[in-house]
Amino acid sequence: MTIEYVHASHYGNGAVVAEEFKKQMAANGVAVNVHHIKRVSPSELPPADLYLFSSPGRLGKPIGGARRFLKNLRLPAGTRYAILTTEATPRSDKKTGKMPTEKELARYQRVRPIMNEILEGKGLVRIAEDKVYVTGLKGPLEEDWEQKVEAFVAQIPSGA
């Protein structure tokens, strides 16, 4: 099985997550090739059993370069994909001190839904998705982020 992992890391957090994913998949005997969106053409991705896309969130959306890459992506309908994003850690409301609910988060944190909308609009088939939180604008990643990547790896079927 081969996975092509395409990320749009801006401050390096997504690249770190990609390398951890690659390391954990290698332990399962799966080859993962990691690419930054600036170094690979969306119309000339190498053949793979699964494509994994990653983008940091900016103002609740995938960054512009990632959205353009996905819109220009040329893969056949039925191709399987997964998404693993890096998103801002939710913060408590300054007035009430309450943490936002999942429903409240979904209103303004739309990184994965936007990516899925673009990819599913092209006929691609999602098999897994998750996120790793970034605690500040430039990092670091949340505590125990490696376990989140491990849980994501477990979602990937061995014969994807």
C-alpha atoms as a PDB file:
ATOM      1  CA  MET A   1       0.000   0.000   0.000  1.00  0.00           C
ATOM      2  CA  THR A   2       1.208   3.489  -0.865  1.00  0.00           C
ATOM      3  CA  ILE A   3      -0.013   6.803   0.533  1.00  0.00           C
ATOM      4  CA  GLU A   4       0.697  10.225  -0.927  1.00  0.00           C
ATOM      5  CA  TYR A   5       0.498  12.825   1.867  1.00  0.00           C
ATOM      6  CA  VAL A   6       0.124  16.401   0.621  1.00  0.00           C
ATOM      7  CA  HIS A   7       0.288  19.187   3.202  1.00  0.00           C
ATOM      8  CA  ALA A   8       0.190  22.982   3.164  1.00  0.00           C
ATOM      9  CA  SER A   9       2.150  23.591   6.363  1.00  0.00           C
ATOM     10  CA  HIS A  10       2.969  27.257   6.851  1.00  0.00           C
ATOM     11  CA  TYR A  11       4.809  27.324  10.195  1.00  0.00           C
ATOM     12  CA  GLY A  12       5.969  23.690  10.140  1.00  0.00           C
ATOM     13  CA  ASN A  13       3.352  22.116  12.412  1.00  0.00           C
ATOM     14  CA  GLY A  14       1.680  20.246   9.546  1.00  0.00           C
ATOM     15  CA  ALA A  15       5.057  19.006   8.322  1.00  0.00           C
ATOM     16  CA  VAL A  16       5.837  17.626  11.794  1.00  0.00           C
ATOM     17  CA  VAL A  17       2.466  15.847  11.884  1.00  0.00           C
ATOM     18  CA  ALA A  18       3.108  14.459   8.374  1.00  0.00           C
ATOM     19  CA  GLU A  19       6.468  13.024   9.423  1.00  0.00           C
ATOM     20  CA  GLU A  20       4.928  11.411  12.509  1.00  0.00           C
ATOM     21  CA  PHE A  21       2.188   9.878  10.347  1.00  0.00           C
ATOM     22  CA  LYS A  22       4.841   8.587   7.924  1.00  0.00           C
ATOM     23  CA  LYS A  23       6.850   7.074  10.817  1.00  0.00           C
ATOM     24  CA  GLN A  24       3.813   5.350  12.333  1.00  0.00           C
ATOM     25  CA  MET A  25       2.621   4.000   8.971  1.00  0.00           C
ATOM     26  CA  ALA A  26       6.139   2.703   8.201  1.00  0.00           C
ATOM     27  CA  ALA A  27       5.909   0.670  11.420  1.00  0.00           C
ATOM     28  CA  ASN A  28       2.831  -0.953   9.823  1.00  0.00           C
ATOM     29  CA  GLY A  29       4.722  -1.636   6.583  1.00  0.00           C
ATOM     30  CA  VAL A  30       3.031   1.153   4.612  1.00  0.00           C
ATOM     31  CA  ALA A  31       5.004   3.533   2.383  1.00  0.00           C
ATOM     32  CA  VAL A  32       4.117   7.216   2.747  1.00  0.00           C
ATOM     33  CA  ASN A  33       5.488   9.931   0.470  1.00  0.00           C
ATOM     34  CA  VAL A  34       5.171  13.430   1.942  1.00  0.00           C
ATOM     35  CA  HIS A  35       4.879  16.517  -0.297  1.00  0.00           C
ATOM     36  CA  HIS A  36       4.306  20.220   0.324  1.00  0.00           C
ATOM     37  CA  ILE A  37       1.671  21.728  -2.008  1.00  0.00           C
ATOM     38  CA  LYS A  38       4.326  24.105  -3.393  1.00  0.00           C
ATOM     39  CA  ARG A  39       6.485  21.197  -4.559  1.00  0.00           C
ATOM     40  CA  VAL A  40       3.923  19.010  -6.330  1.00  0.00           C
ATOM     41  CA  SER A  41       1.428  19.657  -9.110  1.00  0.00           C
ATOM     42  CA  PRO A  42      -2.250  18.993  -8.358  1.00  0.00           C
ATOM     43  CA  SER A  43      -2.632  17.538 -11.855  1.00  0.00           C
ATOM     44  CA  GLU A  44       0.410  15.244 -11.636  1.00  0.00           C
ATOM     45  CA  LEU A  45       0.262  13.478  -8.276  1.00  0.00           C
ATOM     46  CA  PRO A  46       1.960  10.074  -8.268  1.00  0.00           C
ATOM     47  CA  PRO A  47      -0.352   7.032  -8.241  1.00  0.00           C
ATOM     48  CA  ALA A  48      -1.316   5.830  -4.763  1.00  0.00           C
ATOM     49  CA  ASP A  49      -3.809   3.672  -2.907  1.00  0.00           C
ATOM     50  CA  LEU A  50      -4.758   6.628  -0.706  1.00  0.00           C
ATOM     51  CA  TYR A  51      -4.229  10.391  -0.798  1.00  0.00           C
ATOM     52  CA  LEU A  52      -4.008  12.271   2.482  1.00  0.00           C
ATOM     53  CA  PHE A  53      -4.496  16.052   2.469  1.00  0.00           C
ATOM     54  CA  SER A  54      -3.618  18.476   5.243  1.00  0.00           C
ATOM     55  CA  SER A  55      -3.993  22.210   5.723  1.00  0.00           C
ATOM     56  CA  PRO A  56      -3.682  24.575   8.632  1.00  0.00           C
ATOM     57  CA  GLY A  57      -6.739  26.591   9.466  1.00  0.00           C
ATOM     58  CA  ARG A  58      -6.834  30.322   8.899  1.00  0.00           C
ATOM     59  CA  LEU A  59      -9.917  32.232  10.010  1.00  0.00           C
ATOM     60  CA  GLY A  60     -11.783  28.925  10.155  1.00  0.00           C
ATOM     61  CA  LYS A  61     -10.913  27.857   6.591  1.00  0.00           C
ATOM     62  CA  PRO A  62      -8.106  25.938   4.903  1.00  0.00           C
ATOM     63  CA  ILE A  63      -5.398  28.365   3.769  1.00  0.00           C
ATOM     64  CA  GLY A  64      -5.866  29.767   0.257  1.00  0.00           C
ATOM     65  CA  GLY A  65      -3.046  27.749  -1.316  1.00  0.00           C
ATOM     66  CA  ALA A  66      -4.582  24.517  -0.046  1.00  0.00           C
ATOM     67  CA  ARG A  67      -8.039  25.432  -1.371  1.00  0.00           C
ATOM     68  CA  ARG A  68      -6.583  26.278  -4.796  1.00  0.00           C
ATOM     69  CA  PHE A  69      -4.574  23.043  -4.820  1.00  0.00           C
ATOM     70  CA  LEU A  70      -7.675  20.968  -4.048  1.00  0.00           C
ATOM     71  CA  LYS A  71      -9.779  22.813  -6.640  1.00  0.00           C
ATOM     72  CA  ASN A  72      -7.126  22.087  -9.306  1.00  0.00           C
ATOM     73  CA  LEU A  73      -6.649  18.472  -8.201  1.00  0.00           C
ATOM     74  CA  ARG A  74      -6.923  15.885 -10.981  1.00  0.00           C
ATOM     75  CA  LEU A  75      -7.743  12.442  -9.604  1.00  0.00           C
ATOM     76  CA  PRO A  76     -10.298   9.952 -10.939  1.00  0.00           C
ATOM     77  CA  ALA A  77     -13.717   9.734  -9.311  1.00  0.00           C
ATOM     78  CA  GLY A  78     -13.774   6.999  -6.676  1.00  0.00           C
ATOM     79  CA  THR A  79     -10.233   7.755  -5.504  1.00  0.00           C
ATOM     80  CA  ARG A  80      -9.935   7.339  -1.751  1.00  0.00           C
ATOM     81  CA  TYR A  81      -8.715  10.171   0.454  1.00  0.00           C
ATOM     82  CA  ALA A  82      -8.260  11.177   4.080  1.00  0.00           C
ATOM     83  CA  ILE A  83      -7.841  14.540   5.807  1.00  0.00           C
ATOM     84  CA  LEU A  84      -5.652  15.377   8.816  1.00  0.00           C
ATOM     85  CA  THR A  85      -5.595  19.108   9.576  1.00  0.00           C
ATOM     86  CA  THR A  86      -3.865  21.389  12.062  1.00  0.00           C
ATOM     87  CA  GLU A  87      -6.377  23.762  13.644  1.00  0.00           C
ATOM     88  CA  ALA A  88      -6.404  26.366  16.392  1.00  0.00           C
ATOM     89  CA  THR A  89      -7.155  25.087  19.873  1.00  0.00           C
ATOM     90  CA  PRO A  90     -10.642  26.190  20.963  1.00  0.00           C
ATOM     91  CA  ARG A  91     -10.596  28.910  23.604  1.00  0.00           C
ATOM     92  CA  SER A  92     -13.089  29.618  26.359  1.00  0.00           C
ATOM     93  CA  ASP A  93     -15.457  32.555  26.004  1.00  0.00           C
ATOM     94  CA  LYS A  94     -13.837  35.629  27.579  1.00  0.00           C
ATOM     95  CA  LYS A  95     -17.100  36.776  29.172  1.00  0.00           C
ATOM     96  CA  THR A  96     -18.536  33.497  30.457  1.00  0.00           C
ATOM     97  CA  GLY A  97     -15.422  31.317  30.704  1.00  0.00           C
ATOM     98  CA  LYS A  98     -17.299  28.457  28.999  1.00  0.00           C
ATOM     99  CA  MET A  99     -15.729  26.311  26.315  1.00  0.00           C
ATOM    100  CA  PRO A 100     -17.629  26.257  23.006  1.00  0.00           C
ATOM    101  CA  THR A 101     -19.684  23.157  22.207  1.00  0.00           C
ATOM    102  CA  GLU A 102     -18.987  21.039  19.127  1.00  0.00           C
ATOM    103  CA  LYS A 103     -22.000  22.657  17.448  1.00  0.00           C
ATOM    104  CA  GLU A 104     -20.688  26.162  18.190  1.00  0.00           C
ATOM    105  CA  LEU A 105     -17.214  25.212  16.951  1.00  0.00           C
ATOM    106  CA  ALA A 106     -18.681  23.872  13.699  1.00  0.00           C
ATOM    107  CA  ARG A 107     -20.083  27.332  12.878  1.00  0.00           C
ATOM    108  CA  TYR A 108     -16.694  29.024  12.658  1.00  0.00           C
ATOM    109  CA  GLN A 109     -14.154  26.203  12.335  1.00  0.00           C
ATOM    110  CA  ARG A 110     -14.812  24.865   8.819  1.00  0.00           C
ATOM    111  CA  VAL A 111     -11.395  23.643   7.642  1.00  0.00           C
ATOM    112  CA  ARG A 112     -12.330  19.985   7.176  1.00  0.00           C
ATOM    113  CA  PRO A 113     -15.895  20.589   5.889  1.00  0.00           C
ATOM    114  CA  ILE A 114     -14.578  22.920   3.171  1.00  0.00           C
ATOM    115  CA  MET A 115     -11.882  20.438   2.150  1.00  0.00           C
ATOM    116  CA  ASN A 116     -14.422  17.590   2.088  1.00  0.00           C
ATOM    117  CA  GLU A 117     -16.848  19.661   0.008  1.00  0.00           C
ATOM    118  CA  ILE A 118     -14.181  20.298  -2.632  1.00  0.00           C
ATOM    119  CA  LEU A 119     -12.949  16.687  -2.726  1.00  0.00           C
ATOM    120  CA  GLU A 120     -16.351  15.013  -2.621  1.00  0.00           C
ATOM    121  CA  GLY A 121     -17.484  17.414  -5.365  1.00  0.00           C
ATOM    122  CA  LYS A 122     -14.813  15.773  -7.539  1.00  0.00           C
ATOM    123  CA  GLY A 123     -16.185  12.309  -6.778  1.00  0.00           C
ATOM    124  CA  LEU A 124     -13.462  11.311  -4.314  1.00  0.00           C
ATOM    125  CA  VAL A 125     -14.339   8.995  -1.411  1.00  0.00           C
ATOM    126  CA  ARG A 126     -13.441   9.959   2.166  1.00  0.00           C
ATOM    127  CA  ILE A 127     -12.239   7.166   4.428  1.00  0.00           C
ATOM    128  CA  ALA A 128     -10.973   9.111   7.458  1.00  0.00           C
ATOM    129  CA  GLU A 129     -10.547  12.586   8.898  1.00  0.00           C
ATOM    130  CA  ASP A 130      -9.250  14.185  12.059  1.00  0.00           C
ATOM    131  CA  LYS A 131      -7.462  17.238  13.397  1.00  0.00           C
ATOM    132  CA  VAL A 132      -4.482  18.057  15.582  1.00  0.00           C
ATOM    133  CA  TYR A 133      -4.713  21.272  17.571  1.00  0.00           C
ATOM    134  CA  VAL A 134      -2.068  23.976  17.522  1.00  0.00           C
ATOM    135  CA  THR A 135      -1.939  25.928  20.786  1.00  0.00           C
ATOM    136  CA  GLY A 136      -0.668  29.226  19.330  1.00  0.00           C
ATOM    137  CA  LEU A 137      -0.485  30.906  15.934  1.00  0.00           C
ATOM    138  CA  LYS A 138       2.884  29.324  15.150  1.00  0.00           C
ATOM    139  CA  GLY A 139       2.636  26.376  17.518  1.00  0.00           C
ATOM    140  CA  PRO A 140       3.414  24.338  19.420  1.00  0.00           C
ATOM    141  CA  LEU A 141       1.172  21.353  18.801  1.00  0.00           C
ATOM    142  CA  GLU A 142      -1.198  20.262  21.554  1.00  0.00           C
ATOM    143  CA  GLU A 143       0.032  17.989  24.299  1.00  0.00           C
ATOM    144  CA  ASP A 144      -0.021  14.278  23.341  1.00  0.00           C
ATOM    145  CA  TRP A 145      -0.540  15.076  19.653  1.00  0.00           C
ATOM    146  CA  GLU A 146       1.371  11.916  18.732  1.00  0.00           C
ATOM    147  CA  GLN A 147      -1.463   9.846  20.240  1.00  0.00           C
ATOM    148  CA  LYS A 148      -3.947  11.695  18.014  1.00  0.00           C
ATOM    149  CA  VAL A 149      -1.859  10.756  14.988  1.00  0.00           C
ATOM    150  CA  GLU A 150      -1.732   7.169  16.247  1.00  0.00           C
ATOM    151  CA  ALA A 151      -5.538   7.109  16.565  1.00  0.00           C
ATOM    152  CA  PHE A 152      -5.803   8.511  13.035  1.00  0.00           C
ATOM    153  CA  VAL A 153      -3.424   5.820  11.720  1.00  0.00           C
ATOM    154  CA  ALA A 154      -5.762   3.219  13.255  1.00  0.00           C
ATOM    155  CA  GLN A 155      -8.622   4.611  11.099  1.00  0.00           C
ATOM    156  CA  ILE A 156      -6.712   3.885   7.883  1.00  0.00           C
ATOM    157  CA  PRO A 157      -7.668   0.455   6.511  1.00  0.00           C
ATOM    158  CA  SER A 158      -4.562  -1.651   5.880  1.00  0.00           C
ATOM    159  CA  GLY A 159      -5.631  -2.310   2.302  1.00  0.00           C
ATOM    160  CA  ALA A 160      -6.926   1.208   1.549  1.00  0.00           C
END
